[in-house]
Amino acid sequence: MTGAAVGLDGAVVAAVAALAAGSAVLLLVPPVPRLDPAATSAATGAGTAAHRALPLGLTAPLAAGLLLLGAGPATTALAVVAVLAVLAGRSLLTTRRRRREVLATGEHVLETCEQLASELASGQPPGAALDRAAVTWPPLGPVASAFRMGADVPSALRAAGDRPGAADLRLVAAAWQVASRTGQGLADAVDRVAADLRAAQSTRRIVRGELASARATARLVGCLPVLALLMGSGAGGDPWGFLLGHPVGLACLAAGLALGWAGLAWIEAIARDVDAST
């Protein structure tokens, strides 16, 4: 067996060891919980910060364990790079899932407001309208309970609006409070809020459509290095052996993955800021 073949076999073994280490770490790391309806935004932010700090706390013990088990520096470095890549990808997927949940919550808020406006306009009492809206969207259950107990409904609506994506409920709370204080028709106030929310949601859909092309372009650019590696392998080169078996190649691999993750995270941050401003 030639030296090149031995080096390639060592790179393959190192890659398998890295994937096994990454899988073991993912089994030990608990999955990120779904958004809790009763959780506050501060608790959500704290959980997100802890999740982002998790990979840095795992790489040092992993590297030390591999070195103690007799793994070489190249294998240890490859395992660390693989684990960080897996966790970084998991972080991006978690961010994407949370964004989808926020968008779904915004759609539920709009549907709930339209349902309230429709039922109030048809002559239904506010309590019955809130009960039906709570059946359609359970997070409104505390609001319906507050009305039945004679508590402050606008405060309950603002509390429900603390959910990620449900901030528009604060407009409903303001309309409810103005109607109760001035004696103005509640149905007309909620209907105007529903019309404003429809217009705002339409603008958000247009903005999300424009951002979708930027996200797709970023993902395409992120896949181009893999295509280049495949083309290099087909042309008779050995880019995989260089990346997985040479110290300089490992450094290039780590830098490329870090830059790719940073680019995707930057696009997501820009999109999040745009969503928050619309």
C-alpha atoms as a PDB file:
ATOM      1  CA  MET A   1       0.000   0.000   0.000  1.00  0.00           C
ATOM      2  CA  THR A   2       1.459   3.353  -0.990  1.00  0.00           C
ATOM      3  CA  GLY A   3       1.963   6.295   1.336  1.00  0.00           C
ATOM      4  CA  ALA A   4      -0.800   8.209  -0.407  1.00  0.00           C
ATOM      5  CA  ALA A   5      -3.251   5.385   0.152  1.00  0.00           C
ATOM      6  CA  VAL A   6      -2.270   5.124   3.806  1.00  0.00           C
ATOM      7  CA  GLY A   7      -2.804   8.868   4.190  1.00  0.00           C
ATOM      8  CA  LEU A   8      -6.198   8.639   2.524  1.00  0.00           C
ATOM      9  CA  ASP A   9      -7.242   5.732   4.765  1.00  0.00           C
ATOM     10  CA  GLY A  10      -6.143   7.719   7.804  1.00  0.00           C
ATOM     11  CA  ALA A  11      -8.210  10.677   6.638  1.00  0.00           C
ATOM     12  CA  VAL A  12     -11.257   8.466   6.191  1.00  0.00           C
ATOM     13  CA  VAL A  13     -10.811   6.971   9.657  1.00  0.00           C
ATOM     14  CA  ALA A  14     -10.422  10.452  11.094  1.00  0.00           C
ATOM     15  CA  ALA A  15     -13.594  11.615   9.354  1.00  0.00           C
ATOM     16  CA  VAL A  16     -15.542   8.645  10.689  1.00  0.00           C
ATOM     17  CA  ALA A  17     -14.211   9.308  14.183  1.00  0.00           C
ATOM     18  CA  ALA A  18     -15.219  12.950  13.902  1.00  0.00           C
ATOM     19  CA  LEU A  19     -18.749  12.084  12.801  1.00  0.00           C
ATOM     20  CA  ALA A  20     -19.069   9.569  15.638  1.00  0.00           C
ATOM     21  CA  ALA A  21     -17.876  12.165  18.140  1.00  0.00           C
ATOM     22  CA  GLY A  22     -20.318  14.706  16.774  1.00  0.00           C
ATOM     23  CA  SER A  23     -23.196  12.236  16.990  1.00  0.00           C
ATOM     24  CA  ALA A  24     -22.279  11.382  20.567  1.00  0.00           C
ATOM     25  CA  VAL A  25     -22.232  15.041  21.534  1.00  0.00           C
ATOM     26  CA  LEU A  26     -25.632  15.629  19.915  1.00  0.00           C
ATOM     27  CA  LEU A  27     -27.053  12.694  21.880  1.00  0.00           C
ATOM     28  CA  LEU A  28     -25.767  14.231  25.096  1.00  0.00           C
ATOM     29  CA  VAL A  29     -27.072  17.708  24.314  1.00  0.00           C
ATOM     30  CA  PRO A  30     -30.812  18.054  25.071  1.00  0.00           C
ATOM     31  CA  PRO A  31     -32.911  19.356  22.193  1.00  0.00           C
ATOM     32  CA  VAL A  32     -33.899  23.010  22.243  1.00  0.00           C
ATOM     33  CA  PRO A  33     -37.474  23.213  23.566  1.00  0.00           C
ATOM     34  CA  ARG A  34     -40.234  24.708  21.495  1.00  0.00           C
ATOM     35  CA  LEU A  35     -41.467  28.147  22.382  1.00  0.00           C
ATOM     36  CA  ASP A  36     -43.469  27.969  25.600  1.00  0.00           C
ATOM     37  CA  PRO A  37     -46.704  29.943  25.429  1.00  0.00           C
ATOM     38  CA  ALA A  38     -46.234  31.105  29.017  1.00  0.00           C
ATOM     39  CA  ALA A  39     -42.536  31.927  28.678  1.00  0.00           C
ATOM     40  CA  THR A  40     -41.443  35.518  28.683  1.00  0.00           C
ATOM     41  CA  SER A  41     -39.179  37.049  26.103  1.00  0.00           C
ATOM     42  CA  ALA A  42     -36.426  37.436  28.716  1.00  0.00           C
ATOM     43  CA  ALA A  43     -36.426  33.710  29.447  1.00  0.00           C
ATOM     44  CA  THR A  44     -36.304  32.983  25.736  1.00  0.00           C
ATOM     45  CA  GLY A  45     -33.320  35.296  25.312  1.00  0.00           C
ATOM     46  CA  ALA A  46     -31.493  33.639  28.196  1.00  0.00           C
ATOM     47  CA  GLY A  47     -32.080  30.187  26.719  1.00  0.00           C
ATOM     48  CA  THR A  48     -30.821  31.339  23.326  1.00  0.00           C
ATOM     49  CA  ALA A  49     -27.642  32.794  24.848  1.00  0.00           C
ATOM     50  CA  ALA A  50     -26.980  29.560  26.747  1.00  0.00           C
ATOM     51  CA  HIS A  51     -27.498  27.522  23.580  1.00  0.00           C
ATOM     52  CA  ARG A  52     -25.023  29.677  21.639  1.00  0.00           C
ATOM     53  CA  ALA A  53     -22.401  29.322  24.376  1.00  0.00           C
ATOM     54  CA  LEU A  54     -22.797  25.531  24.480  1.00  0.00           C
ATOM     55  CA  PRO A  55     -20.440  24.565  21.594  1.00  0.00           C
ATOM     56  CA  LEU A  56     -17.519  26.500  23.089  1.00  0.00           C
ATOM     57  CA  GLY A  57     -17.962  24.662  26.370  1.00  0.00           C
ATOM     58  CA  LEU A  58     -17.950  21.259  24.670  1.00  0.00           C
ATOM     59  CA  THR A  59     -14.956  21.538  22.366  1.00  0.00           C
ATOM     60  CA  ALA A  60     -12.275  21.713  25.069  1.00  0.00           C
ATOM     61  CA  PRO A  61     -13.420  18.530  26.928  1.00  0.00           C
ATOM     62  CA  LEU A  62     -13.828  16.732  23.603  1.00  0.00           C
ATOM     63  CA  ALA A  63     -10.316  17.622  22.459  1.00  0.00           C
ATOM     64  CA  ALA A  64      -8.827  16.673  25.817  1.00  0.00           C
ATOM     65  CA  GLY A  65     -10.650  13.334  25.809  1.00  0.00           C
ATOM     66  CA  LEU A  66      -9.488  12.436  22.321  1.00  0.00           C
ATOM     67  CA  LEU A  67      -5.900  13.301  23.157  1.00  0.00           C
ATOM     68  CA  LEU A  68      -6.036  11.178  26.316  1.00  0.00           C
ATOM     69  CA  LEU A  69      -7.398   8.265  24.281  1.00  0.00           C
ATOM     70  CA  GLY A  70      -4.359   8.435  22.037  1.00  0.00           C
ATOM     71  CA  ALA A  71      -5.805  10.225  19.036  1.00  0.00           C
ATOM     72  CA  GLY A  72      -3.363  12.271  17.023  1.00  0.00           C
ATOM     73  CA  PRO A  73      -3.504  16.054  16.742  1.00  0.00           C
ATOM     74  CA  ALA A  74      -4.933  15.850  13.213  1.00  0.00           C
ATOM     75  CA  THR A  75      -7.744  13.518  14.279  1.00  0.00           C
ATOM     76  CA  THR A  76      -8.484  15.671  17.321  1.00  0.00           C
ATOM     77  CA  ALA A  77      -8.606  18.852  15.245  1.00  0.00           C
ATOM     78  CA  LEU A  78     -10.875  17.213  12.670  1.00  0.00           C
ATOM     79  CA  ALA A  79     -13.207  15.938  15.385  1.00  0.00           C
ATOM     80  CA  VAL A  80     -13.436  19.391  16.944  1.00  0.00           C
ATOM     81  CA  VAL A  81     -14.136  20.987  13.560  1.00  0.00           C
ATOM     82  CA  ALA A  82     -16.818  18.390  12.816  1.00  0.00           C
ATOM     83  CA  VAL A  83     -18.552  18.875  16.170  1.00  0.00           C
ATOM     84  CA  LEU A  84     -18.516  22.656  15.817  1.00  0.00           C
ATOM     85  CA  ALA A  85     -19.896  22.363  12.281  1.00  0.00           C
ATOM     86  CA  VAL A  86     -22.721  20.091  13.421  1.00  0.00           C
ATOM     87  CA  LEU A  87     -23.629  22.348  16.337  1.00  0.00           C
ATOM     88  CA  ALA A  88     -23.424  25.472  14.184  1.00  0.00           C
ATOM     89  CA  GLY A  89     -25.768  23.899  11.649  1.00  0.00           C
ATOM     90  CA  ARG A  90     -28.087  22.894  14.462  1.00  0.00           C
ATOM     91  CA  SER A  91     -28.071  26.499  15.700  1.00  0.00           C
ATOM     92  CA  LEU A  92     -29.054  27.788  12.247  1.00  0.00           C
ATOM     93  CA  LEU A  93     -31.867  25.240  11.999  1.00  0.00           C
ATOM     94  CA  THR A  94     -33.099  26.211  15.467  1.00  0.00           C
ATOM     95  CA  THR A  95     -33.122  29.881  14.474  1.00  0.00           C
ATOM     96  CA  ARG A  96     -35.055  29.041  11.329  1.00  0.00           C
ATOM     97  CA  ARG A  97     -37.609  27.002  13.270  1.00  0.00           C
ATOM     98  CA  ARG A  98     -38.125  29.791  15.777  1.00  0.00           C
ATOM     99  CA  ARG A  99     -38.627  32.297  12.963  1.00  0.00           C
ATOM    100  CA  ARG A 100     -41.310  30.053  11.471  1.00  0.00           C
ATOM    101  CA  GLU A 101     -43.043  29.797  14.845  1.00  0.00           C
ATOM    102  CA  VAL A 102     -42.996  33.593  15.225  1.00  0.00           C
ATOM    103  CA  LEU A 103     -44.503  34.004  11.750  1.00  0.00           C
ATOM    104  CA  ALA A 104     -47.174  31.404  12.529  1.00  0.00           C
ATOM    105  CA  THR A 105     -48.023  33.225  15.756  1.00  0.00           C
ATOM    106  CA  GLY A 106     -48.424  36.488  13.821  1.00  0.00           C
ATOM    107  CA  GLU A 107     -50.832  34.785  11.432  1.00  0.00           C
ATOM    108  CA  HIS A 108     -52.836  33.428  14.390  1.00  0.00           C
ATOM    109  CA  VAL A 109     -53.048  36.911  15.904  1.00  0.00           C
ATOM    110  CA  LEU A 110     -54.401  38.356  12.655  1.00  0.00           C
ATOM    111  CA  GLU A 111     -56.952  35.559  12.285  1.00  0.00           C
ATOM    112  CA  THR A 112     -58.025  35.982  15.906  1.00  0.00           C
ATOM    113  CA  CYS A 113     -58.455  39.735  15.522  1.00  0.00           C
ATOM    114  CA  GLU A 114     -60.521  39.278  12.362  1.00  0.00           C
ATOM    115  CA  GLN A 115     -62.657  36.661  14.119  1.00  0.00           C
ATOM    116  CA  LEU A 116     -63.246  38.982  17.072  1.00  0.00           C
ATOM    117  CA  ALA A 117     -64.185  41.856  14.773  1.00  0.00           C
ATOM    118  CA  SER A 118     -66.574  39.664  12.801  1.00  0.00           C
ATOM    119  CA  GLU A 119     -68.353  38.252  15.849  1.00  0.00           C
ATOM    120  CA  LEU A 120     -68.599  41.596  17.613  1.00  0.00           C
ATOM    121  CA  ALA A 121     -69.995  43.183  14.444  1.00  0.00           C
ATOM    122  CA  SER A 122     -72.648  40.433  14.274  1.00  0.00           C
ATOM    123  CA  GLY A 123     -73.864  41.338  17.755  1.00  0.00           C
ATOM    124  CA  GLN A 124     -72.121  38.656  19.800  1.00  0.00           C
ATOM    125  CA  PRO A 125     -71.212  39.691  23.380  1.00  0.00           C
ATOM    126  CA  PRO A 126     -67.485  40.224  24.043  1.00  0.00           C
ATOM    127  CA  GLY A 127     -67.263  37.270  26.431  1.00  0.00           C
ATOM    128  CA  ALA A 128     -68.681  34.804  23.914  1.00  0.00           C
ATOM    129  CA  ALA A 129     -66.418  36.208  21.179  1.00  0.00           C
ATOM    130  CA  LEU A 130     -63.361  35.792  23.393  1.00  0.00           C
ATOM    131  CA  ASP A 131     -64.368  32.232  24.313  1.00  0.00           C
ATOM    132  CA  ARG A 132     -64.656  31.251  20.654  1.00  0.00           C
ATOM    133  CA  ALA A 133     -61.362  32.953  19.845  1.00  0.00           C
ATOM    134  CA  ALA A 134     -59.698  31.055  22.702  1.00  0.00           C
ATOM    135  CA  VAL A 135     -60.964  27.780  21.230  1.00  0.00           C
ATOM    136  CA  THR A 136     -59.448  28.713  17.875  1.00  0.00           C
ATOM    137  CA  TRP A 137     -56.181  29.933  19.424  1.00  0.00           C
ATOM    138  CA  PRO A 138     -55.582  28.580  22.981  1.00  0.00           C
ATOM    139  CA  PRO A 139     -53.123  31.318  24.112  1.00  0.00           C
ATOM    140  CA  LEU A 140     -56.152  33.620  24.371  1.00  0.00           C
ATOM    141  CA  GLY A 141     -57.573  31.416  27.117  1.00  0.00           C
ATOM    142  CA  PRO A 142     -56.275  33.669  29.951  1.00  0.00           C
ATOM    143  CA  VAL A 143     -57.878  36.673  28.241  1.00  0.00           C
ATOM    144  CA  ALA A 144     -61.256  34.957  28.097  1.00  0.00           C
ATOM    145  CA  SER A 145     -60.860  33.911  31.737  1.00  0.00           C
ATOM    146  CA  ALA A 146     -60.015  37.494  32.714  1.00  0.00           C
ATOM    147  CA  PHE A 147     -63.248  38.718  31.099  1.00  0.00           C
ATOM    148  CA  ARG A 148     -65.336  36.063  32.892  1.00  0.00           C
ATOM    149  CA  MET A 149     -63.809  36.979  36.256  1.00  0.00           C
ATOM    150  CA  GLY A 150     -64.218  40.715  35.677  1.00  0.00           C
ATOM    151  CA  ALA A 151     -60.458  41.315  35.571  1.00  0.00           C
ATOM    152  CA  ASP A 152     -58.592  43.764  33.371  1.00  0.00           C
ATOM    153  CA  VAL A 153     -58.936  42.442  29.810  1.00  0.00           C
ATOM    154  CA  PRO A 154     -56.465  44.923  28.225  1.00  0.00           C
ATOM    155  CA  SER A 155     -53.780  43.835  30.696  1.00  0.00           C
ATOM    156  CA  ALA A 156     -54.461  40.188  29.857  1.00  0.00           C
ATOM    157  CA  LEU A 157     -54.189  41.007  26.144  1.00  0.00           C
ATOM    158  CA  ARG A 158     -50.870  42.772  26.708  1.00  0.00           C
ATOM    159  CA  ALA A 159     -49.610  39.759  28.655  1.00  0.00           C
ATOM    160  CA  ALA A 160     -50.590  37.503  25.761  1.00  0.00           C
ATOM    161  CA  GLY A 161     -48.793  39.920  23.447  1.00  0.00           C
ATOM    162  CA  ASP A 162     -45.499  39.155  25.193  1.00  0.00           C
ATOM    163  CA  ARG A 163     -45.305  35.935  23.176  1.00  0.00           C
ATOM    164  CA  PRO A 164     -42.783  36.132  20.329  1.00  0.00           C
ATOM    165  CA  GLY A 165     -44.752  37.188  17.263  1.00  0.00           C
ATOM    166  CA  ALA A 166     -47.892  38.247  19.159  1.00  0.00           C
ATOM    167  CA  ALA A 167     -46.994  41.912  19.734  1.00  0.00           C
ATOM    168  CA  ASP A 168     -49.986  43.018  17.622  1.00  0.00           C
ATOM    169  CA  LEU A 169     -52.262  41.971  20.471  1.00  0.00           C
ATOM    170  CA  ARG A 170     -51.170  45.144  22.223  1.00  0.00           C
ATOM    171  CA  LEU A 171     -53.058  47.105  19.579  1.00  0.00           C
ATOM    172  CA  VAL A 172     -56.159  45.068  20.356  1.00  0.00           C
ATOM    173  CA  ALA A 173     -55.583  45.798  24.049  1.00  0.00           C
ATOM    174  CA  ALA A 174     -55.362  49.529  23.334  1.00  0.00           C
ATOM    175  CA  ALA A 175     -58.579  49.458  21.282  1.00  0.00           C
ATOM    176  CA  TRP A 176     -60.353  47.493  24.026  1.00  0.00           C
ATOM    177  CA  GLN A 177     -59.198  49.965  26.674  1.00  0.00           C
ATOM    178  CA  VAL A 178     -60.240  53.028  24.660  1.00  0.00           C
ATOM    179  CA  ALA A 179     -63.652  51.495  23.927  1.00  0.00           C
ATOM    180  CA  SER A 180     -64.252  50.676  27.593  1.00  0.00           C
ATOM    181  CA  ARG A 181     -63.252  54.145  28.787  1.00  0.00           C
ATOM    182  CA  THR A 182     -64.957  56.284  26.151  1.00  0.00           C
ATOM    183  CA  GLY A 183     -67.990  54.124  25.495  1.00  0.00           C
ATOM    184  CA  GLN A 184     -67.097  53.891  21.814  1.00  0.00           C
ATOM    185  CA  GLY A 185     -68.314  50.761  20.038  1.00  0.00           C
ATOM    186  CA  LEU A 186     -65.919  47.885  20.700  1.00  0.00           C
ATOM    187  CA  ALA A 187     -66.796  46.240  17.387  1.00  0.00           C
ATOM    188  CA  ASP A 188     -65.776  49.336  15.396  1.00  0.00           C
ATOM    189  CA  ALA A 189     -62.507  49.713  17.327  1.00  0.00           C
ATOM    190  CA  VAL A 190     -61.496  46.066  16.870  1.00  0.00           C
ATOM    191  CA  ASP A 191     -62.513  46.185  13.210  1.00  0.00           C
ATOM    192  CA  ARG A 192     -60.203  49.170  12.593  1.00  0.00           C
ATOM    193  CA  VAL A 193     -57.376  47.336  14.358  1.00  0.00           C
ATOM    194  CA  ALA A 194     -58.020  44.264  12.201  1.00  0.00           C
ATOM    195  CA  ALA A 195     -57.848  46.404   9.055  1.00  0.00           C
ATOM    196  CA  ASP A 196     -54.536  47.921  10.169  1.00  0.00           C
ATOM    197  CA  LEU A 197     -53.142  44.467  10.981  1.00  0.00           C
ATOM    198  CA  ARG A 198     -54.179  43.164   7.541  1.00  0.00           C
ATOM    199  CA  ALA A 199     -52.317  46.003   5.855  1.00  0.00           C
ATOM    200  CA  ALA A 200     -49.243  45.469   8.033  1.00  0.00           C
ATOM    201  CA  GLN A 201     -49.295  41.714   7.426  1.00  0.00           C
ATOM    202  CA  SER A 202     -49.513  42.299   3.690  1.00  0.00           C
ATOM    203  CA  THR A 203     -46.414  44.515   3.867  1.00  0.00           C
ATOM    204  CA  ARG A 204     -44.592  41.878   5.888  1.00  0.00           C
ATOM    205  CA  ARG A 205     -45.383  39.206   3.319  1.00  0.00           C
ATOM    206  CA  ILE A 206     -43.914  41.386   0.575  1.00  0.00           C
ATOM    207  CA  VAL A 207     -40.782  41.993   2.637  1.00  0.00           C
ATOM    208  CA  ARG A 208     -40.413  38.286   3.438  1.00  0.00           C
ATOM    209  CA  GLY A 209     -40.748  37.498  -0.272  1.00  0.00           C
ATOM    210  CA  GLU A 210     -37.906  39.906  -1.049  1.00  0.00           C
ATOM    211  CA  LEU A 211     -35.776  38.437   1.733  1.00  0.00           C
ATOM    212  CA  ALA A 212     -36.398  34.896   0.517  1.00  0.00           C
ATOM    213  CA  SER A 213     -34.279  35.514  -2.578  1.00  0.00           C
ATOM    214  CA  ALA A 214     -31.400  36.806  -0.422  1.00  0.00           C
ATOM    215  CA  ARG A 215     -31.607  33.753   1.818  1.00  0.00           C
ATOM    216  CA  ALA A 216     -31.661  31.420  -1.193  1.00  0.00           C
ATOM    217  CA  THR A 217     -28.629  33.181  -2.685  1.00  0.00           C
ATOM    218  CA  ALA A 218     -26.734  32.841   0.605  1.00  0.00           C
ATOM    219  CA  ARG A 219     -27.476  29.108   0.775  1.00  0.00           C
ATOM    220  CA  LEU A 220     -26.392  28.678  -2.848  1.00  0.00           C
ATOM    221  CA  VAL A 221     -23.117  30.471  -2.169  1.00  0.00           C
ATOM    222  CA  GLY A 222     -22.622  28.244   0.874  1.00  0.00           C
ATOM    223  CA  CYS A 223     -22.943  25.129  -1.304  1.00  0.00           C
ATOM    224  CA  LEU A 224     -20.494  26.325  -3.970  1.00  0.00           C
ATOM    225  CA  PRO A 225     -17.360  25.141  -2.082  1.00  0.00           C
ATOM    226  CA  VAL A 226     -18.781  21.606  -1.957  1.00  0.00           C
ATOM    227  CA  LEU A 227     -19.378  21.757  -5.704  1.00  0.00           C
ATOM    228  CA  ALA A 228     -15.797  22.968  -6.207  1.00  0.00           C
ATOM    229  CA  LEU A 229     -14.485  20.028  -4.155  1.00  0.00           C
ATOM    230  CA  LEU A 230     -16.522  17.576  -6.219  1.00  0.00           C
ATOM    231  CA  MET A 231     -15.226  19.117  -9.436  1.00  0.00           C
ATOM    232  CA  GLY A 232     -11.662  18.921  -8.128  1.00  0.00           C
ATOM    233  CA  SER A 233     -12.095  15.250  -7.274  1.00  0.00           C
ATOM    234  CA  GLY A 234     -13.516  14.561 -10.719  1.00  0.00           C
ATOM    235  CA  ALA A 235     -10.569  16.307 -12.355  1.00  0.00           C
ATOM    236  CA  GLY A 236      -8.122  13.878 -10.758  1.00  0.00           C
ATOM    237  CA  GLY A 237      -7.130  15.943  -7.737  1.00  0.00           C
ATOM    238  CA  ASP A 238      -7.396  14.991  -4.071  1.00  0.00           C
ATOM    239  CA  PRO A 239      -8.971  18.015  -2.312  1.00  0.00           C
ATOM    240  CA  TRP A 240     -10.673  15.861   0.317  1.00  0.00           C
ATOM    241  CA  GLY A 241      -7.426  14.223   1.319  1.00  0.00           C
ATOM    242  CA  PHE A 242      -5.806  17.648   1.648  1.00  0.00           C
ATOM    243  CA  LEU A 243      -8.655  19.092   3.720  1.00  0.00           C
ATOM    244  CA  LEU A 244      -9.004  16.078   6.013  1.00  0.00           C
ATOM    245  CA  GLY A 245      -5.432  14.901   6.312  1.00  0.00           C
ATOM    246  CA  HIS A 246      -3.153  17.963   6.193  1.00  0.00           C
ATOM    247  CA  PRO A 247      -2.795  20.584   8.954  1.00  0.00           C
ATOM    248  CA  VAL A 248      -3.087  23.426   6.446  1.00  0.00           C
ATOM    249  CA  GLY A 249      -6.121  21.708   4.921  1.00  0.00           C
ATOM    250  CA  LEU A 250      -7.755  21.390   8.334  1.00  0.00           C
ATOM    251  CA  ALA A 251      -7.149  25.086   8.946  1.00  0.00           C
ATOM    252  CA  CYS A 252      -8.708  25.931   5.570  1.00  0.00           C
ATOM    253  CA  LEU A 253     -11.663  23.657   6.345  1.00  0.00           C
ATOM    254  CA  ALA A 254     -12.248  25.281   9.730  1.00  0.00           C
ATOM    255  CA  ALA A 255     -11.931  28.797   8.295  1.00  0.00           C
ATOM    256  CA  GLY A 256     -14.261  28.012   5.398  1.00  0.00           C
ATOM    257  CA  LEU A 257     -16.923  26.514   7.660  1.00  0.00           C
ATOM    258  CA  ALA A 258     -16.644  29.442  10.070  1.00  0.00           C
ATOM    259  CA  LEU A 259     -16.989  32.003   7.280  1.00  0.00           C
ATOM    260  CA  GLY A 260     -19.920  30.117   5.751  1.00  0.00           C
ATOM    261  CA  TRP A 261     -21.717  29.952   9.094  1.00  0.00           C
ATOM    262  CA  ALA A 262     -20.987  33.640   9.748  1.00  0.00           C
ATOM    263  CA  GLY A 263     -22.427  34.591   6.356  1.00  0.00           C
ATOM    264  CA  LEU A 264     -25.618  32.628   6.899  1.00  0.00           C
ATOM    265  CA  ALA A 265     -25.976  33.948  10.436  1.00  0.00           C
ATOM    266  CA  TRP A 266     -25.457  37.499   9.151  1.00  0.00           C
ATOM    267  CA  ILE A 267     -28.208  37.080   6.569  1.00  0.00           C
ATOM    268  CA  GLU A 268     -30.541  35.717   9.247  1.00  0.00           C
ATOM    269  CA  ALA A 269     -29.716  38.640  11.560  1.00  0.00           C
ATOM    270  CA  ILE A 270     -30.444  41.166   8.799  1.00  0.00           C
ATOM    271  CA  ALA A 271     -33.723  39.417   7.999  1.00  0.00           C
ATOM    272  CA  ARG A 272     -34.680  39.354  11.685  1.00  0.00           C
ATOM    273  CA  ASP A 273     -34.045  43.090  12.021  1.00  0.00           C
ATOM    274  CA  VAL A 274     -36.083  43.806   8.894  1.00  0.00           C
ATOM    275  CA  ASP A 275     -38.944  41.648  10.187  1.00  0.00           C
ATOM    276  CA  ALA A 276     -38.842  43.469  13.515  1.00  0.00           C
ATOM    277  CA  SER A 277     -38.992  46.879  11.835  1.00  0.00           C
ATOM    278  CA  THR A 278     -42.020  46.113   9.613  1.00  0.00           C
END
